[in-house]
Protein backbone atom coordinates (compact mmCIF):
# COMPACT_ATOMS: atom_id res chain seq x y z
CA UNK A 1 67.00 55.31 76.21
CA UNK A 2 70.61 54.48 76.79
CA UNK A 3 72.84 57.11 78.47
CA UNK A 4 76.41 57.81 77.53
CA UNK A 5 78.87 56.87 80.26
CA UNK A 6 80.84 59.78 81.68
CA UNK A 7 84.44 60.13 80.67
CA UNK A 8 86.72 58.42 83.16
CA UNK A 9 89.79 60.45 82.20
CA UNK A 10 89.40 63.96 83.61
CA UNK A 11 93.04 64.93 83.28
CA UNK A 12 93.98 68.29 81.82
CA UNK A 13 96.88 68.06 79.44
CA UNK A 14 99.41 70.81 80.03
CA UNK A 15 100.84 72.72 77.06
CA UNK A 16 104.27 71.15 77.74
CA UNK A 17 102.80 67.64 77.62
CA UNK A 18 100.91 68.56 74.47
CA UNK A 19 104.12 69.85 72.89
CA UNK A 20 105.81 66.55 73.71
CA UNK A 21 102.89 64.60 72.27
CA UNK A 22 102.98 66.65 69.06
CA UNK A 23 106.75 66.13 68.90
CA UNK A 24 107.36 69.88 69.00
CA UNK A 25 110.20 69.14 71.45
CA UNK A 26 111.89 66.03 72.80
CA UNK A 27 112.53 65.04 76.40
CA UNK A 28 116.07 66.46 76.36
CA UNK A 29 114.89 69.74 74.84
CA UNK A 30 112.16 69.97 77.47
CA UNK A 31 114.80 69.61 80.21
CA UNK A 32 116.83 72.39 78.60
CA UNK A 33 113.75 74.61 78.42
CA UNK A 34 112.95 73.94 82.08
CA UNK A 35 116.45 75.13 82.99
CA UNK A 36 116.02 78.25 80.86
CA UNK A 37 112.61 78.89 82.45
CA UNK A 38 114.15 78.61 85.93
CA UNK A 39 116.77 81.19 84.97
CA UNK A 40 114.19 83.59 83.52
CA UNK A 41 111.92 83.26 86.55
CA UNK A 42 114.56 84.48 89.00
CA UNK A 43 113.56 87.81 90.44
CA UNK A 44 110.07 87.76 88.98
CA UNK A 45 107.10 88.59 91.22
CA UNK A 46 106.25 85.71 93.59
CA UNK A 47 103.04 84.84 91.76
CA UNK A 48 105.02 83.88 88.61
CA UNK A 49 106.87 80.57 88.69
CA UNK A 50 109.17 78.96 86.16
CA UNK A 51 106.39 76.49 85.39
CA UNK A 52 104.15 79.42 84.47
CA UNK A 53 106.76 80.78 82.05
CA UNK A 54 107.31 77.51 80.22
CA UNK A 55 103.60 76.63 80.10
CA UNK A 56 102.68 80.08 78.78
CA UNK A 57 105.44 79.90 76.15
CA UNK A 58 104.16 76.53 74.93
CA UNK A 59 100.56 77.74 75.05
CA UNK A 60 101.37 80.74 72.87
CA UNK A 61 103.13 78.56 70.31
CA UNK A 62 100.42 75.89 70.28
CA UNK A 63 97.61 78.44 69.90
CA UNK A 64 99.44 80.23 67.11
CA UNK A 65 99.87 83.47 69.06
CA UNK A 66 103.62 83.17 68.46
CA UNK A 67 105.05 81.70 65.26
CA UNK A 68 108.53 80.29 64.96
CA UNK A 69 110.59 82.03 62.27
CA UNK A 70 112.42 79.94 59.71
CA UNK A 71 116.00 79.12 60.60
CA UNK A 72 115.48 79.52 64.37
CA UNK A 73 115.71 76.37 66.47
CA UNK A 74 112.74 75.47 68.64
CA UNK A 75 114.80 75.83 71.83
CA UNK A 76 116.06 79.29 70.88
CA UNK A 77 112.58 80.37 69.84
CA UNK A 78 110.90 79.18 73.04
CA UNK A 79 113.70 80.72 75.12
CA UNK A 80 112.97 84.01 73.37
CA UNK A 81 109.26 83.66 74.07
CA UNK A 82 110.04 83.11 77.77
CA UNK A 83 112.34 86.14 77.79
CA UNK A 84 109.53 88.18 76.27
CA UNK A 85 107.09 86.88 78.89
CA UNK A 86 109.55 87.81 81.62
CA UNK A 87 109.77 91.37 80.27
CA UNK A 88 105.97 91.52 80.04
CA UNK A 89 105.64 90.45 83.69
CA UNK A 90 108.17 93.08 84.75
CA UNK A 91 106.34 95.82 82.83
CA UNK A 92 103.06 94.85 84.47
CA UNK A 93 104.67 94.55 87.91
CA UNK A 94 106.46 97.92 87.65
CA UNK A 95 103.22 99.69 86.69
CA UNK A 96 101.51 98.49 89.85
CA UNK A 97 98.68 96.12 90.73
CA UNK A 98 95.95 98.29 89.20
CA UNK A 99 97.54 98.52 85.74
CA UNK A 100 95.17 97.37 83.04
CA UNK A 101 92.01 97.68 85.10
CA UNK A 102 89.09 98.99 83.13
CA UNK A 103 86.82 100.27 85.89
CA UNK A 104 86.52 104.03 86.17
CA UNK A 105 87.50 104.30 89.85
CA UNK A 106 91.21 104.07 89.03
CA UNK A 107 92.98 107.40 88.79
CA UNK A 108 95.29 107.99 85.83
CA UNK A 109 98.93 107.11 86.40
CA UNK A 110 101.21 110.10 87.01
CA UNK A 111 104.72 109.56 85.59
CA UNK A 112 106.24 112.10 88.01
CA UNK A 113 107.82 110.42 91.04
CA UNK A 114 106.17 110.91 94.39
CA UNK A 115 108.20 112.55 97.21
CA UNK A 116 109.15 109.20 98.76
CA UNK A 117 110.59 107.84 95.50
CA UNK A 118 112.38 111.14 94.85
CA UNK A 119 113.99 111.03 98.30
CA UNK A 120 115.02 107.39 97.82
CA UNK A 121 116.56 108.22 94.44
CA UNK A 122 118.48 111.18 95.89
CA UNK A 123 119.78 109.02 98.74
CA UNK A 124 120.91 106.32 96.31
CA UNK A 125 122.64 108.89 94.11
CA UNK A 126 124.43 110.34 97.15
CA UNK A 127 125.52 106.83 98.18
CA UNK A 128 126.81 106.17 94.66
CA UNK A 129 128.73 109.45 94.60
CA UNK A 130 130.30 108.54 97.95
CA UNK A 131 131.21 105.03 96.76
CA UNK A 132 133.10 106.39 93.77
CA UNK A 133 134.50 109.59 95.28
CA UNK A 134 138.08 108.35 94.76
CA UNK A 135 137.51 106.97 91.24
CA UNK A 136 137.66 109.78 88.68
CA UNK A 137 136.94 107.51 85.70
CA UNK A 138 133.82 106.11 87.40
CA UNK A 139 132.64 109.64 88.22
CA UNK A 140 133.11 110.70 84.59
CA UNK A 141 131.10 107.67 83.45
CA UNK A 142 128.34 108.41 85.97
CA UNK A 143 128.20 112.04 84.83
CA UNK A 144 127.98 110.97 81.19
CA UNK A 145 125.26 108.42 81.90
CA UNK A 146 123.25 111.00 83.82
CA UNK A 147 123.33 113.19 80.71
CA UNK A 148 122.08 110.30 78.59
CA UNK A 149 125.32 109.85 76.66
CA UNK A 150 126.28 106.56 75.04
CA UNK A 151 129.46 104.70 76.01
CA UNK A 152 131.23 105.99 72.90
CA UNK A 153 130.18 109.59 73.62
CA UNK A 154 131.37 109.32 77.23
CA UNK A 155 134.73 107.89 76.14
CA UNK A 156 135.26 110.63 73.56
CA UNK A 157 134.14 113.48 75.84
CA UNK A 158 136.24 112.26 78.78
CA UNK A 159 139.21 110.93 76.76
CA UNK A 160 138.87 107.44 78.25
CA UNK A 161 140.19 104.41 76.36
CA UNK A 162 137.84 101.52 75.65
CA UNK A 163 139.83 99.26 77.99
CA UNK A 164 139.74 101.80 80.83
CA UNK A 165 136.03 102.38 80.26
CA UNK A 166 135.21 98.66 80.27
CA UNK A 167 137.38 98.07 83.36
CA UNK A 168 135.71 100.93 85.21
CA UNK A 169 132.23 99.65 84.32
CA UNK A 170 133.10 96.18 85.65
CA UNK A 171 134.54 97.72 88.81
CA UNK A 172 131.43 99.86 89.24
CA UNK A 173 129.14 96.89 88.73
CA UNK A 174 130.99 94.81 91.34
CA UNK A 175 130.86 97.63 93.88
CA UNK A 176 127.16 98.34 93.25
CA UNK A 177 126.30 94.67 93.59
CA UNK A 178 128.34 94.38 96.78
CA UNK A 179 126.54 97.40 98.25
CA UNK A 180 123.10 96.10 97.29
CA UNK A 181 122.41 98.77 94.68
CA UNK A 182 121.67 96.14 92.02
CA UNK A 183 118.96 98.05 90.14
CA UNK A 184 121.65 100.50 89.07
CA UNK A 185 124.12 97.76 88.15
CA UNK A 186 121.76 96.17 85.58
CA UNK A 187 121.67 99.20 83.31
């Protein structure tokens, strides 16, 4: 009996290559998406690369897990998928390495901060208060934000013009970035 010869081509086609083959995107669009993926991958956990983001975005589209809405360009849609993946990675990373485990040895997550995180937060707040001690507008904005007020509510309650509010927020962001308190500056 005759045997079938083994396949000589043992390559695995990546989702990006498959998308090119199916003419989902062109070479130029793929270069644009690679640039977008590199931007989205900045600051992600070290086990997530830009290649992972772009491949996962293509995989989700090709498998039908994500469907492109009418009127949205392929580039914009895939960029949105990568942004969503980035947020998903951050949610998983912020919940810790045991998040999602199904074994019963994992204790339930307590939303209350532990003493170390509480102390760090208090020290950061004290540093922020010291940074803006001479800036009354910034202190009013900080007070409003700590109460959960919106920008409009803070401006009305503190009688701050939109221009002064926006200028103070930019000034605050620059100072926080310069001092290495970037997690506060992103909000």
